[in-house]
Amino acid sequence: MQNTGRTGRRRAMNLVAVIVAAGIAFPAGATAQEYQAEVTPPTVELTGYFGAILPMSVLGSQGDTLKADLSTKPAFGAGLEYWFGGGFGLGVSGGLASPGLVLTTADAGTGEQEAVDLGTADYLHGEALLLWRPQFTSSAAVLLPYFGAGAGIRRLDFEDTSGFEDGSDVTIVLNAGTQIWVSERVHLRLDIRDLISSYEGGSFESSNLQHDLFVQVGLGLGL
């Protein structure tokens, strides 16, 4: 499980690196001929998202004999942002997903594993973020990387037959992404956010630190 966690963190770092490289290298090579006019992003932006939740950590474990995982599933979300100057802004966002819940048991003597599908979980989340993005003054401003950090709440509701406890957990949120402005009011977006929390329900020896990665694309509107 430690190897899985390290692999998950490496994948997350690679995804963030791609976004940062795209957001910084692409504007540096853009020219006025490629973009007809400079885009000034609006103060208030509303974005809808579609993508996937990628749980990077096990939901819970008990020694080497029991562990529970949430699966990768489609995710939906929306966000509202207010940019108040200096490249800084405030954002509120939320979303939902329905990942599957799988319980894996291992025989202490033989090590033989058995996986049991326990249905799905309703995963709801909401967060508030402090955001920052570089301020480009040329036509290359049509592509803007951004970074954010904040806090929020996630809610997990399991099926009654799963044996797992429903609960709400405080999350620390790290966010990175890139906006691509196709007009003065419309943008496309690639967004990655890591929701970090601790799940304390279920029959586990101790709570496990959670890293739930949301990788999404969005369509936004400047208001």
C-alpha atoms as a PDB file:
ATOM      1  CA  MET A   1       0.000   0.000   0.000  1.00  0.00           C
ATOM      2  CA  GLN A   2       2.976   2.315   0.564  1.00  0.00           C
ATOM      3  CA  ASN A   3       4.164   1.645  -2.981  1.00  0.00           C
ATOM      4  CA  THR A   4       0.683   2.477  -4.265  1.00  0.00           C
ATOM      5  CA  GLY A   5       0.741   5.749  -2.335  1.00  0.00           C
ATOM      6  CA  ARG A   6       4.147   6.704  -3.735  1.00  0.00           C
ATOM      7  CA  THR A   7       3.023   5.833  -7.268  1.00  0.00           C
ATOM      8  CA  GLY A   8      -0.104   7.940  -6.810  1.00  0.00           C
ATOM      9  CA  ARG A   9       1.891  10.923  -5.592  1.00  0.00           C
ATOM     10  CA  ARG A  10       4.277  10.638  -8.553  1.00  0.00           C
ATOM     11  CA  ARG A  11       1.339  10.609 -10.956  1.00  0.00           C
ATOM     12  CA  ALA A  12      -0.162  13.645  -9.287  1.00  0.00           C
ATOM     13  CA  MET A  13       3.138  15.545  -9.479  1.00  0.00           C
ATOM     14  CA  ASN A  14       3.479  14.645 -13.166  1.00  0.00           C
ATOM     15  CA  LEU A  15      -0.021  15.966 -13.891  1.00  0.00           C
ATOM     16  CA  VAL A  16       0.692  19.250 -12.111  1.00  0.00           C
ATOM     17  CA  ALA A  17       4.020  19.566 -13.955  1.00  0.00           C
ATOM     18  CA  VAL A  18       2.240  19.205 -17.307  1.00  0.00           C
ATOM     19  CA  ILE A  19      -0.181  22.001 -16.414  1.00  0.00           C
ATOM     20  CA  VAL A  20       2.570  24.335 -15.236  1.00  0.00           C
ATOM     21  CA  ALA A  21       4.668  23.667 -18.341  1.00  0.00           C
ATOM     22  CA  ALA A  22       1.694  24.232 -20.634  1.00  0.00           C
ATOM     23  CA  GLY A  23       0.719  27.422 -18.867  1.00  0.00           C
ATOM     24  CA  ILE A  24       4.194  28.974 -18.908  1.00  0.00           C
ATOM     25  CA  ALA A  25       5.893  27.636 -22.051  1.00  0.00           C
ATOM     26  CA  PHE A  26       2.951  28.086 -24.412  1.00  0.00           C
ATOM     27  CA  PRO A  27       2.404  31.817 -23.739  1.00  0.00           C
ATOM     28  CA  ALA A  28       6.133  32.436 -24.119  1.00  0.00           C
ATOM     29  CA  GLY A  29       5.977  31.161 -27.690  1.00  0.00           C
ATOM     30  CA  ALA A  30       2.683  32.748 -28.674  1.00  0.00           C
ATOM     31  CA  THR A  31       2.660  35.690 -31.093  1.00  0.00           C
ATOM     32  CA  ALA A  32       0.227  38.437 -31.961  1.00  0.00           C
ATOM     33  CA  GLN A  33      -0.333  36.818 -35.346  1.00  0.00           C
ATOM     34  CA  GLU A  34      -1.671  33.675 -33.661  1.00  0.00           C
ATOM     35  CA  TYR A  35      -4.106  35.691 -31.559  1.00  0.00           C
ATOM     36  CA  GLN A  36      -5.870  38.658 -33.111  1.00  0.00           C
ATOM     37  CA  ALA A  37      -6.563  40.634 -29.946  1.00  0.00           C
ATOM     38  CA  GLU A  38      -5.527  40.818 -26.341  1.00  0.00           C
ATOM     39  CA  VAL A  39      -7.946  39.169 -23.927  1.00  0.00           C
ATOM     40  CA  THR A  40      -8.616  40.817 -20.572  1.00  0.00           C
ATOM     41  CA  PRO A  41     -10.139  38.197 -18.259  1.00  0.00           C
ATOM     42  CA  PRO A  42     -13.339  39.348 -16.534  1.00  0.00           C
ATOM     43  CA  THR A  43     -13.560  39.932 -12.806  1.00  0.00           C
ATOM     44  CA  VAL A  44     -16.198  37.255 -12.138  1.00  0.00           C
ATOM     45  CA  GLU A  45     -16.050  33.802 -13.763  1.00  0.00           C
ATOM     46  CA  LEU A  46     -18.461  30.852 -13.632  1.00  0.00           C
ATOM     47  CA  THR A  47     -17.225  27.417 -14.739  1.00  0.00           C
ATOM     48  CA  GLY A  48     -18.817  23.990 -15.097  1.00  0.00           C
ATOM     49  CA  TYR A  49     -16.591  20.892 -14.899  1.00  0.00           C
ATOM     50  CA  PHE A  50     -16.599  17.295 -16.101  1.00  0.00           C
ATOM     51  CA  GLY A  51     -13.881  14.727 -15.466  1.00  0.00           C
ATOM     52  CA  ALA A  52     -12.997  11.983 -13.014  1.00  0.00           C
ATOM     53  CA  ILE A  53     -12.184  11.341  -9.380  1.00  0.00           C
ATOM     54  CA  LEU A  54      -8.938   9.379  -8.909  1.00  0.00           C
ATOM     55  CA  PRO A  55      -8.574   8.240  -5.283  1.00  0.00           C
ATOM     56  CA  MET A  56      -4.820   8.027  -4.671  1.00  0.00           C
ATOM     57  CA  SER A  57      -5.003   6.413  -1.210  1.00  0.00           C
ATOM     58  CA  VAL A  58      -6.914   3.537   0.336  1.00  0.00           C
ATOM     59  CA  LEU A  59     -10.027   4.605   2.215  1.00  0.00           C
ATOM     60  CA  GLY A  60      -8.985   2.592   5.244  1.00  0.00           C
ATOM     61  CA  SER A  61      -6.975  -0.448   6.291  1.00  0.00           C
ATOM     62  CA  GLN A  62      -6.403  -2.838   9.165  1.00  0.00           C
ATOM     63  CA  GLY A  63      -2.947  -4.339   9.100  1.00  0.00           C
ATOM     64  CA  ASP A  64      -2.327  -6.454   6.020  1.00  0.00           C
ATOM     65  CA  THR A  65      -5.638  -8.291   6.225  1.00  0.00           C
ATOM     66  CA  LEU A  66      -8.217  -5.640   5.314  1.00  0.00           C
ATOM     67  CA  LYS A  67      -8.394  -2.585   3.116  1.00  0.00           C
ATOM     68  CA  ALA A  68     -11.100  -0.551   1.416  1.00  0.00           C
ATOM     69  CA  ASP A  69     -10.738   1.428  -1.795  1.00  0.00           C
ATOM     70  CA  LEU A  70     -12.827   3.927  -3.712  1.00  0.00           C
ATOM     71  CA  SER A  71     -12.686   3.482  -7.494  1.00  0.00           C
ATOM     72  CA  THR A  72     -12.098   5.940 -10.332  1.00  0.00           C
ATOM     73  CA  LYS A  73     -15.417   7.291 -11.605  1.00  0.00           C
ATOM     74  CA  PRO A  74     -16.817  10.296 -13.522  1.00  0.00           C
ATOM     75  CA  ALA A  75     -17.103  13.521 -11.542  1.00  0.00           C
ATOM     76  CA  PHE A  76     -19.032  16.744 -12.067  1.00  0.00           C
ATOM     77  CA  GLY A  77     -18.518  20.173 -10.554  1.00  0.00           C
ATOM     78  CA  ALA A  78     -18.977  23.922 -10.752  1.00  0.00           C
ATOM     79  CA  GLY A  79     -17.051  26.926  -9.519  1.00  0.00           C
ATOM     80  CA  LEU A  80     -17.476  30.680  -9.096  1.00  0.00           C
ATOM     81  CA  GLU A  81     -14.452  32.977  -8.881  1.00  0.00           C
ATOM     82  CA  TYR A  82     -13.886  36.642  -8.134  1.00  0.00           C
ATOM     83  CA  TRP A  83     -10.564  38.186  -9.228  1.00  0.00           C
ATOM     84  CA  PHE A  84      -9.743  41.353  -7.284  1.00  0.00           C
ATOM     85  CA  GLY A  85      -6.428  42.413  -8.838  1.00  0.00           C
ATOM     86  CA  GLY A  86      -2.743  41.656  -8.593  1.00  0.00           C
ATOM     87  CA  GLY A  87      -3.402  38.218 -10.037  1.00  0.00           C
ATOM     88  CA  PHE A  88      -5.245  37.125  -6.876  1.00  0.00           C
ATOM     89  CA  GLY A  89      -8.773  35.857  -6.552  1.00  0.00           C
ATOM     90  CA  LEU A  90     -11.221  33.979  -4.372  1.00  0.00           C
ATOM     91  CA  GLY A  91     -13.124  30.920  -5.520  1.00  0.00           C
ATOM     92  CA  VAL A  92     -15.910  28.718  -4.230  1.00  0.00           C
ATOM     93  CA  SER A  93     -16.576  25.364  -5.870  1.00  0.00           C
ATOM     94  CA  GLY A  94     -18.204  22.012  -5.350  1.00  0.00           C
ATOM     95  CA  GLY A  95     -19.019  18.778  -7.068  1.00  0.00           C
ATOM     96  CA  LEU A  96     -20.225  15.231  -6.880  1.00  0.00           C
ATOM     97  CA  ALA A  97     -19.191  11.721  -7.900  1.00  0.00           C
ATOM     98  CA  SER A  98     -20.298   8.144  -7.235  1.00  0.00           C
ATOM     99  CA  PRO A  99     -17.173   6.004  -6.879  1.00  0.00           C
ATOM    100  CA  GLY A 100     -17.447   2.290  -6.239  1.00  0.00           C
ATOM    101  CA  LEU A 101     -16.469   0.830  -2.860  1.00  0.00           C
ATOM    102  CA  VAL A 102     -14.347  -2.341  -2.860  1.00  0.00           C
ATOM    103  CA  LEU A 103     -13.330  -4.255   0.258  1.00  0.00           C
ATOM    104  CA  THR A 104     -10.256  -6.487  -0.076  1.00  0.00           C
ATOM    105  CA  THR A 105      -9.453  -9.126   2.533  1.00  0.00           C
ATOM    106  CA  ALA A 106      -6.326 -11.267   2.784  1.00  0.00           C
ATOM    107  CA  ASP A 107      -5.906 -14.605   4.514  1.00  0.00           C
ATOM    108  CA  ALA A 108      -3.317 -14.173   7.277  1.00  0.00           C
ATOM    109  CA  GLY A 109      -1.858 -17.610   6.607  1.00  0.00           C
ATOM    110  CA  THR A 110      -1.820 -17.944   2.839  1.00  0.00           C
ATOM    111  CA  GLY A 111      -1.941 -14.302   1.798  1.00  0.00           C
ATOM    112  CA  GLU A 112      -4.745 -15.108  -0.653  1.00  0.00           C
ATOM    113  CA  GLN A 113      -6.881 -12.029  -1.379  1.00  0.00           C
ATOM    114  CA  GLU A 114     -10.587 -11.680  -2.034  1.00  0.00           C
ATOM    115  CA  ALA A 115     -12.253  -8.511  -3.310  1.00  0.00           C
ATOM    116  CA  VAL A 116     -15.898  -7.765  -2.556  1.00  0.00           C
ATOM    117  CA  ASP A 117     -17.899  -5.075  -4.341  1.00  0.00           C
ATOM    118  CA  LEU A 118     -19.911  -3.138  -1.739  1.00  0.00           C
ATOM    119  CA  GLY A 119     -21.760  -0.869  -4.164  1.00  0.00           C
ATOM    120  CA  THR A 120     -21.206   2.851  -4.616  1.00  0.00           C
ATOM    121  CA  ALA A 121     -20.704   5.883  -2.404  1.00  0.00           C
ATOM    122  CA  ASP A 122     -22.193   9.338  -2.920  1.00  0.00           C
ATOM    123  CA  TYR A 123     -19.229  11.717  -2.770  1.00  0.00           C
ATOM    124  CA  LEU A 124     -20.102  15.413  -2.336  1.00  0.00           C
ATOM    125  CA  HIS A 125     -17.512  18.133  -1.811  1.00  0.00           C
ATOM    126  CA  GLY A 126     -17.316  21.900  -1.459  1.00  0.00           C
ATOM    127  CA  GLU A 127     -14.355  24.212  -0.928  1.00  0.00           C
ATOM    128  CA  ALA A 128     -13.188  27.816  -0.757  1.00  0.00           C
ATOM    129  CA  LEU A 129      -9.854  28.730  -2.361  1.00  0.00           C
ATOM    130  CA  LEU A 130      -7.383  31.575  -2.526  1.00  0.00           C
ATOM    131  CA  LEU A 131      -6.191  31.711  -6.157  1.00  0.00           C
ATOM    132  CA  TRP A 132      -3.288  33.266  -8.015  1.00  0.00           C
ATOM    133  CA  ARG A 133      -2.416  33.471 -11.702  1.00  0.00           C
ATOM    134  CA  PRO A 134       0.382  35.281 -13.578  1.00  0.00           C
ATOM    135  CA  GLN A 135      -0.539  38.546 -15.225  1.00  0.00           C
ATOM    136  CA  PHE A 136       0.379  38.543 -18.916  1.00  0.00           C
ATOM    137  CA  THR A 137       0.077  41.841 -20.795  1.00  0.00           C
ATOM    138  CA  SER A 138       0.374  40.525 -24.356  1.00  0.00           C
ATOM    139  CA  SER A 139      -1.973  38.567 -26.560  1.00  0.00           C
ATOM    140  CA  ALA A 140      -0.508  35.443 -24.930  1.00  0.00           C
ATOM    141  CA  ALA A 141      -2.853  36.172 -22.022  1.00  0.00           C
ATOM    142  CA  VAL A 142      -5.408  33.946 -23.740  1.00  0.00           C
ATOM    143  CA  LEU A 143      -3.729  31.046 -21.907  1.00  0.00           C
ATOM    144  CA  LEU A 144      -3.382  31.527 -18.158  1.00  0.00           C
ATOM    145  CA  PRO A 145      -2.077  29.027 -15.588  1.00  0.00           C
ATOM    146  CA  TYR A 146      -3.389  29.370 -12.056  1.00  0.00           C
ATOM    147  CA  PHE A 147      -2.709  27.927  -8.606  1.00  0.00           C
ATOM    148  CA  GLY A 148      -4.787  27.769  -5.456  1.00  0.00           C
ATOM    149  CA  ALA A 149      -5.056  26.489  -1.911  1.00  0.00           C
ATOM    150  CA  GLY A 150      -7.874  26.395   0.581  1.00  0.00           C
ATOM    151  CA  ALA A 151     -10.147  24.236   2.687  1.00  0.00           C
ATOM    152  CA  GLY A 152     -13.519  22.583   2.434  1.00  0.00           C
ATOM    153  CA  ILE A 153     -15.771  19.685   3.344  1.00  0.00           C
ATOM    154  CA  ARG A 154     -16.374  16.299   1.740  1.00  0.00           C
ATOM    155  CA  ARG A 155     -19.377  14.104   2.465  1.00  0.00           C
ATOM    156  CA  LEU A 156     -19.422  10.331   1.947  1.00  0.00           C
ATOM    157  CA  ASP A 157     -22.741   8.455   1.990  1.00  0.00           C
ATOM    158  CA  PHE A 158     -22.514   4.672   1.637  1.00  0.00           C
ATOM    159  CA  GLU A 159     -25.157   2.103   0.849  1.00  0.00           C
ATOM    160  CA  ASP A 160     -26.840   0.733   3.977  1.00  0.00           C
ATOM    161  CA  THR A 161     -25.637  -2.812   3.266  1.00  0.00           C
ATOM    162  CA  SER A 162     -21.953  -1.820   2.977  1.00  0.00           C
ATOM    163  CA  GLY A 163     -21.297  -1.704   6.716  1.00  0.00           C
ATOM    164  CA  PHE A 164     -19.455   1.624   6.377  1.00  0.00           C
ATOM    165  CA  GLU A 165     -20.363   4.751   8.294  1.00  0.00           C
ATOM    166  CA  ASP A 166     -21.503   7.900   6.506  1.00  0.00           C
ATOM    167  CA  GLY A 167     -19.534  10.960   7.455  1.00  0.00           C
ATOM    168  CA  SER A 168     -18.308  14.465   6.706  1.00  0.00           C
ATOM    169  CA  ASP A 169     -14.587  15.290   6.752  1.00  0.00           C
ATOM    170  CA  VAL A 170     -12.655  18.560   6.635  1.00  0.00           C
ATOM    171  CA  THR A 171     -10.401  18.798   3.563  1.00  0.00           C
ATOM    172  CA  ILE A 172      -7.271  20.737   2.693  1.00  0.00           C
ATOM    173  CA  VAL A 173      -7.356  21.553  -1.026  1.00  0.00           C
ATOM    174  CA  LEU A 174      -4.467  22.129  -3.459  1.00  0.00           C
ATOM    175  CA  ASN A 175      -5.380  23.318  -6.940  1.00  0.00           C
ATOM    176  CA  ALA A 176      -3.633  23.953 -10.269  1.00  0.00           C
ATOM    177  CA  GLY A 177      -4.895  24.454 -13.770  1.00  0.00           C
ATOM    178  CA  THR A 178      -4.878  26.388 -17.020  1.00  0.00           C
ATOM    179  CA  GLN A 179      -7.519  28.590 -18.630  1.00  0.00           C
ATOM    180  CA  ILE A 180      -7.711  28.967 -22.404  1.00  0.00           C
ATOM    181  CA  TRP A 181      -9.703  32.036 -23.416  1.00  0.00           C
ATOM    182  CA  VAL A 182     -11.514  31.506 -26.715  1.00  0.00           C
ATOM    183  CA  SER A 183     -13.185  34.916 -26.517  1.00  0.00           C
ATOM    184  CA  GLU A 184     -13.371  37.793 -24.058  1.00  0.00           C
ATOM    185  CA  ARG A 185     -16.144  36.008 -22.151  1.00  0.00           C
ATOM    186  CA  VAL A 186     -15.684  32.284 -22.794  1.00  0.00           C
ATOM    187  CA  HIS A 187     -12.874  30.023 -21.638  1.00  0.00           C
ATOM    188  CA  LEU A 188     -11.919  26.364 -21.602  1.00  0.00           C
ATOM    189  CA  ARG A 189     -10.155  24.991 -18.551  1.00  0.00           C
ATOM    190  CA  LEU A 190      -8.010  22.088 -17.424  1.00  0.00           C
ATOM    191  CA  ASP A 191      -8.260  21.750 -13.644  1.00  0.00           C
ATOM    192  CA  ILE A 192      -6.610  19.426 -11.115  1.00  0.00           C
ATOM    193  CA  ARG A 193      -7.344  19.526  -7.403  1.00  0.00           C
ATOM    194  CA  ASP A 194      -6.225  17.320  -4.538  1.00  0.00           C
ATOM    195  CA  LEU A 195      -8.675  16.975  -1.645  1.00  0.00           C
ATOM    196  CA  ILE A 196      -6.687  15.895   1.422  1.00  0.00           C
ATOM    197  CA  SER A 197      -8.667  14.513   4.361  1.00  0.00           C
ATOM    198  CA  SER A 198      -8.816  11.747   6.958  1.00  0.00           C
ATOM    199  CA  TYR A 199     -11.588   9.129   6.993  1.00  0.00           C
ATOM    200  CA  GLU A 200     -12.408   7.862  10.479  1.00  0.00           C
ATOM    201  CA  GLY A 201     -15.406   5.619   9.849  1.00  0.00           C
ATOM    202  CA  GLY A 202     -15.496   1.857   9.513  1.00  0.00           C
ATOM    203  CA  SER A 203     -13.741  -0.983  11.326  1.00  0.00           C
ATOM    204  CA  PHE A 204     -10.164   0.230  10.877  1.00  0.00           C
ATOM    205  CA  GLU A 205      -7.276   0.413  13.331  1.00  0.00           C
ATOM    206  CA  SER A 206      -6.729   4.083  12.545  1.00  0.00           C
ATOM    207  CA  SER A 207      -7.820   6.741  10.071  1.00  0.00           C
ATOM    208  CA  ASN A 208      -6.032   6.903   6.734  1.00  0.00           C
ATOM    209  CA  LEU A 209      -4.863  10.133   5.102  1.00  0.00           C
ATOM    210  CA  GLN A 210      -6.847  10.584   1.902  1.00  0.00           C
ATOM    211  CA  HIS A 211      -5.721  12.085  -1.393  1.00  0.00           C
ATOM    212  CA  ASP A 212      -8.698  12.319  -3.733  1.00  0.00           C
ATOM    213  CA  LEU A 213      -7.517  13.744  -7.047  1.00  0.00           C
ATOM    214  CA  PHE A 214     -10.080  15.416  -9.311  1.00  0.00           C
ATOM    215  CA  VAL A 215      -8.928  15.801 -12.933  1.00  0.00           C
ATOM    216  CA  GLN A 216     -11.467  17.785 -14.945  1.00  0.00           C
ATOM    217  CA  VAL A 217     -12.047  19.930 -17.998  1.00  0.00           C
ATOM    218  CA  GLY A 218     -14.363  22.906 -17.845  1.00  0.00           C
ATOM    219  CA  LEU A 219     -16.305  25.424 -19.880  1.00  0.00           C
ATOM    220  CA  GLY A 220     -16.529  28.856 -18.308  1.00  0.00           C
ATOM    221  CA  LEU A 221     -18.228  32.193 -18.757  1.00  0.00           C
ATOM    222  CA  GLY A 222     -17.115  35.640 -17.677  1.00  0.00           C
ATOM    223  CA  LEU A 223     -19.913  37.582 -15.991  1.00  0.00           C
END
